[in-house]
Protein backbone atom coordinates (compact mmCIF):
# COMPACT_ATOMS: atom_id res chain seq x y z
CA UNK A 1 182.39 -25.52 127.00
CA UNK A 2 181.75 -23.92 123.89
CA UNK A 3 183.61 -21.06 125.41
CA UNK A 4 187.15 -22.57 125.72
CA UNK A 5 186.53 -23.70 121.91
CA UNK A 6 186.08 -20.40 120.18
CA UNK A 7 189.09 -19.00 122.26
CA UNK A 8 191.41 -21.93 120.57
CA UNK A 9 190.13 -21.52 117.70
CA UNK A 10 190.87 -17.42 117.65
CA UNK A 11 194.05 -18.22 119.06
CA UNK A 12 194.87 -20.48 116.07
CA UNK A 13 193.92 -17.98 113.82
CA UNK A 14 196.63 -15.37 115.25
CA UNK A 15 199.39 -17.92 114.98
CA UNK A 16 201.76 -16.59 112.21
CA UNK A 17 202.19 -18.68 109.22
CA UNK A 18 205.47 -20.76 109.57
CA UNK A 19 207.65 -20.08 105.51
CA UNK A 20 208.26 -23.05 103.46
CA UNK A 21 211.64 -23.64 103.78
CA UNK A 22 211.92 -25.69 100.80
CA UNK A 23 212.57 -23.23 98.77
CA UNK A 24 215.92 -22.10 99.83
CA UNK A 25 217.49 -19.07 100.42
CA UNK A 26 217.98 -16.76 97.76
CA UNK A 27 217.22 -19.56 94.81
CA UNK A 28 214.25 -21.84 93.82
CA UNK A 29 215.78 -24.67 96.00
CA UNK A 30 218.85 -26.93 96.37
CA UNK A 31 219.18 -28.64 93.14
CA UNK A 32 219.01 -25.07 91.41
CA UNK A 33 221.42 -23.52 93.58
CA UNK A 34 224.32 -26.56 93.23
CA UNK A 35 223.25 -26.48 89.38
CA UNK A 36 224.41 -22.70 89.41
CA UNK A 37 227.38 -23.39 91.35
CA UNK A 38 228.40 -26.52 88.61
CA UNK A 39 227.86 -23.87 86.05
CA UNK A 40 230.22 -21.13 87.45
CA UNK A 41 233.20 -23.64 88.08
CA UNK A 42 232.73 -25.03 84.40
CA UNK A 43 232.85 -21.37 83.27
CA UNK A 44 235.52 -20.39 85.42
CA UNK A 45 237.60 -23.57 84.27
CA UNK A 46 236.99 -23.01 81.06
CA UNK A 47 238.30 -19.17 81.10
CA UNK A 48 241.35 -19.95 82.88
CA UNK A 49 242.32 -23.08 80.66
CA UNK A 50 241.87 -20.65 77.51
CA UNK A 51 241.45 -23.50 75.31
CA UNK A 52 239.15 -26.51 77.19
CA UNK A 53 235.75 -26.64 76.51
CA UNK A 54 233.41 -27.60 79.32
CA UNK A 55 230.38 -29.18 78.63
CA UNK A 56 226.87 -28.46 80.19
CA UNK A 57 226.78 -30.01 83.60
CA UNK A 58 224.42 -32.49 82.64
CA UNK A 59 227.35 -34.13 81.12
CA UNK A 60 229.39 -34.22 83.81
CA UNK A 61 226.59 -34.97 86.43
CA UNK A 62 225.87 -32.34 88.20
CA UNK A 63 222.35 -32.40 89.19
CA UNK A 64 219.83 -30.43 86.64
CA UNK A 65 217.60 -28.05 88.16
CA UNK A 66 214.45 -28.80 89.05
CA UNK A 67 211.29 -26.15 88.73
CA UNK A 68 210.87 -23.76 91.18
CA UNK A 69 207.45 -24.35 93.13
CA UNK A 70 204.72 -21.96 92.59
CA UNK A 71 204.92 -20.53 96.10
CA UNK A 72 209.17 -20.22 96.14
CA UNK A 73 210.97 -17.66 94.06
CA UNK A 74 209.93 -16.77 90.91
CA UNK A 75 211.61 -17.15 87.11
CA UNK A 76 211.74 -13.21 86.97
CA UNK A 77 212.85 -12.73 90.03
CA UNK A 78 215.58 -15.20 88.82
CA UNK A 79 217.17 -13.28 85.90
CA UNK A 80 216.73 -9.88 88.45
CA UNK A 81 219.56 -11.89 90.84
CA UNK A 82 221.40 -12.97 87.80
CA UNK A 83 220.58 -16.96 87.87
CA UNK A 84 219.57 -18.64 85.14
CA UNK A 85 220.34 -16.17 82.63
CA UNK A 86 223.72 -14.59 80.31
CA UNK A 87 224.28 -11.41 81.96
CA UNK A 88 227.47 -9.71 81.93
CA UNK A 89 228.54 -7.64 84.81
CA UNK A 90 228.71 -4.15 84.52
CA UNK A 91 231.27 -2.82 82.35
CA UNK A 92 232.40 -5.96 81.18
CA UNK A 93 232.47 -6.85 77.57
CA UNK A 94 229.05 -8.87 77.40
CA UNK A 95 228.86 -12.41 76.43
CA UNK A 96 228.44 -13.30 72.98
CA UNK A 97 225.61 -16.45 72.78
CA UNK A 98 226.20 -19.25 69.54
CA UNK A 99 223.91 -18.94 66.66
CA UNK A 100 220.05 -20.02 67.09
CA UNK A 101 220.01 -23.64 67.65
CA UNK A 102 222.96 -24.02 69.70
CA UNK A 103 223.47 -24.48 73.20
CA UNK A 104 226.89 -22.91 73.40
CA UNK A 105 227.45 -19.44 74.54
CA UNK A 106 231.32 -18.32 73.92
CA UNK A 107 232.10 -15.51 76.06
CA UNK A 108 234.22 -12.81 75.06
CA UNK A 109 238.38 -12.80 75.78
CA UNK A 110 238.92 -10.98 79.00
CA UNK A 111 234.86 -11.19 80.11
CA UNK A 112 234.02 -11.87 83.87
CA UNK A 113 232.20 -15.24 84.71
CA UNK A 114 228.41 -14.79 84.24
CA UNK A 115 225.33 -17.19 84.73
CA UNK A 116 224.03 -18.82 81.73
CA UNK A 117 221.16 -20.48 80.59
CA UNK A 118 219.66 -23.30 82.01
CA UNK A 119 221.47 -26.50 79.64
CA UNK A 120 224.14 -24.07 78.32
CA UNK A 121 227.58 -24.85 78.31
CA UNK A 122 230.77 -22.09 78.04
CA UNK A 123 233.40 -22.65 75.31
CA UNK A 124 236.78 -21.01 76.67
CA UNK A 125 238.49 -18.56 74.13
CA UNK A 126 241.76 -17.16 74.24
CA UNK A 127 243.34 -15.21 77.39
CA UNK A 128 246.17 -12.95 76.27
CA UNK A 129 246.33 -12.02 80.22
CA UNK A 130 247.25 -15.51 81.24
CA UNK A 131 250.82 -16.97 80.39
CA UNK A 132 251.02 -20.56 79.21
CA UNK A 133 255.09 -20.64 79.33
CA UNK A 134 254.78 -23.44 82.31
CA UNK A 135 251.94 -25.47 80.08
CA UNK A 136 254.16 -27.70 78.80
CA UNK A 137 251.67 -28.82 75.95
CA UNK A 138 251.12 -25.15 75.06
CA UNK A 139 255.36 -24.66 74.62
CA UNK A 140 255.93 -27.67 72.91
CA UNK A 141 253.01 -27.29 70.45
CA UNK A 142 255.10 -23.99 69.06
CA UNK A 143 258.39 -24.49 70.28
CA UNK A 144 261.10 -26.90 69.37
CA UNK A 145 264.83 -27.38 69.90
CA UNK A 146 265.59 -26.13 66.90
CA UNK A 147 263.92 -23.00 67.61
CA UNK A 148 265.58 -22.60 71.12
CA UNK A 149 268.93 -22.70 68.92
CA UNK A 150 268.00 -19.92 66.26
CA UNK A 151 266.97 -18.10 69.15
CA UNK A 152 270.09 -18.18 71.15
CA UNK A 153 272.50 -17.52 67.68
CA UNK A 154 269.82 -14.66 67.36
CA UNK A 155 270.89 -12.69 70.87
CA UNK A 156 274.35 -13.88 70.55
CA UNK A 157 274.44 -11.93 67.34
CA UNK A 158 272.73 -8.62 69.12
CA UNK A 159 275.15 -9.05 71.86
CA UNK A 160 277.61 -6.13 72.26
CA UNK A 161 280.98 -5.80 73.77
CA UNK A 162 282.18 -2.92 74.79
CA UNK A 163 285.98 -2.47 75.55
CA UNK A 164 286.77 -0.46 78.75
CA UNK A 165 288.50 2.91 78.11
CA UNK A 166 291.78 3.81 79.47
CA UNK A 167 291.32 6.36 82.55
CA UNK A 168 292.89 9.69 81.48
CA UNK A 169 295.93 10.54 83.13
CA UNK A 170 296.15 13.90 85.63
CA UNK A 171 298.74 15.96 85.09
CA UNK A 172 300.95 15.76 87.95
CA UNK A 173 301.29 19.56 88.17
CA UNK A 174 297.62 21.08 88.56
CA UNK A 175 299.31 24.50 89.94
CA UNK A 176 298.38 26.25 93.21
CA UNK A 177 296.64 23.72 95.98
CA UNK A 178 293.46 26.10 96.58
CA UNK A 179 292.14 23.21 98.98
CA UNK A 180 294.96 24.32 101.32
CA UNK A 181 295.01 27.40 100.79
CA UNK A 182 291.17 27.87 101.65
CA UNK A 183 292.28 25.99 104.52
CA UNK A 184 295.12 28.03 106.05
CA UNK A 185 292.63 31.64 105.33
CA UNK A 186 290.37 32.49 108.07
CA UNK A 187 289.10 35.90 106.69
CA UNK A 188 285.36 35.49 104.56
CA UNK A 189 285.10 36.66 101.02
CA UNK A 190 284.85 40.44 100.71
CA UNK A 191 286.70 41.57 103.90
CA UNK A 192 289.53 43.01 102.80
CA UNK A 193 292.91 41.24 104.18
CA UNK A 194 295.52 42.83 101.29
CA UNK A 195 296.60 46.24 99.70
CA UNK A 196 294.92 46.86 96.46
CA UNK A 197 296.67 49.97 93.98
CA UNK A 198 293.95 51.45 91.64
CA UNK A 199 291.19 48.63 92.14
CA UNK A 200 289.32 48.73 89.23
CA UNK A 201 286.10 46.17 89.28
CA UNK A 202 284.79 46.43 86.05
CA UNK A 203 288.03 45.73 85.00
CA UNK A 204 288.30 42.98 87.06
CA UNK A 205 284.79 41.63 85.72
CA UNK A 206 286.78 41.55 82.14
CA UNK A 207 289.27 39.96 83.06
CA UNK A 208 287.56 37.14 85.15
CA UNK A 209 285.55 36.67 81.96
CA UNK A 210 288.90 34.89 80.33
CA UNK A 211 288.90 31.98 82.83
CA UNK A 212 286.22 29.27 82.75
CA UNK A 213 285.82 28.48 86.64
CA UNK A 214 286.85 30.66 89.49
CA UNK A 215 288.64 27.72 91.13
CA UNK A 216 291.04 28.43 87.24
CA UNK A 217 291.01 31.81 88.28
CA UNK A 218 291.89 31.21 92.02
CA UNK A 219 295.00 29.10 90.93
CA UNK A 220 296.04 31.94 88.25
CA UNK A 221 295.86 34.42 90.75
CA UNK A 222 298.26 32.43 93.70
CA UNK A 223 300.46 31.44 91.17
CA UNK A 224 301.18 35.01 89.89
CA UNK A 225 301.70 36.19 93.15
CA UNK A 226 299.08 36.36 95.03
CA UNK A 227 297.33 36.71 97.95
CA UNK A 228 299.88 39.89 98.29
CA UNK A 229 299.88 40.65 94.52
CA UNK A 230 296.87 40.98 92.18
CA UNK A 231 298.91 40.90 88.78
CA UNK A 232 295.99 40.45 86.95
CA UNK A 233 293.18 42.57 88.61
CA UNK A 234 290.82 40.13 89.65
CA UNK A 235 290.99 40.73 92.99
CA UNK A 236 289.52 44.78 93.58
CA UNK A 237 288.55 44.12 97.21
CA UNK A 238 292.00 42.61 98.72
CA UNK A 239 290.15 39.54 100.18
CA UNK A 240 292.73 36.96 98.69
CA UNK A 241 289.74 35.69 96.59
CA UNK A 242 289.69 35.98 92.47
CA UNK A 243 286.69 36.18 90.65
CA UNK A 244 284.31 35.14 93.45
CA UNK A 245 285.93 32.23 94.41
CA UNK A 246 284.67 31.20 97.74
CA UNK A 247 286.70 29.09 100.31
CA UNK A 248 283.82 28.14 102.70
CA UNK A 249 283.06 24.91 101.22
CA UNK A 250 286.17 23.60 102.32
CA UNK A 251 286.53 24.99 105.58
CA UNK A 252 282.85 23.45 105.97
CA UNK A 253 284.24 20.44 105.10
CA UNK A 254 286.42 20.09 107.88
CA UNK A 255 284.18 21.15 110.00
CA UNK A 256 285.16 25.25 110.25
């Protein structure tokens, strides 16, 4: 009879201990978790409103935190996890506490939300990153019908009316049609098609410098008897194209 009793006691000693589920997961208790959530909601609403003061959760009916059981998570563990203490997120502006004896913590503008000490409240500050143009009370406090009228009058005074200018007229006679001439020819640039007497490249370079562009030079060349004659000495190679004028762009435009 003694042997079965000893065996039962041995098995009971080897059985693993069931953890206490009352301590919760990641926090001291469920009431501590509710308190933390209420603090974060209050802080978030205060920062978004910009002017609303959020009181301690106890004043809003949120449950108060209860003491952490001795077998649960310690206060040092909660502080390390950012629960139950005022800690700013890494790289953010720290939360500025109120003077001694006050239970109010005022976050710096733009600072992220952080957990507050037990019983503390948030006082929302101004947040320039959030527009209040959709808040009728905020707009009505700083604007009026007269201020709107003054703004409209100022904008009207700054308005400039630009009168349209007349389109410059193009002379009817612009000289020979170099586009039609380009499409009538087939020889490439540099291939001689016409005879030249005593051609001189240096003379052509000096004469071409008198024209603002090859198009102008080509028109003058054609108007003076070109391409058969080179009266101004600007087509020394006899290809029919003066001062480096090139007909290829016009040919490619029509698929030639």
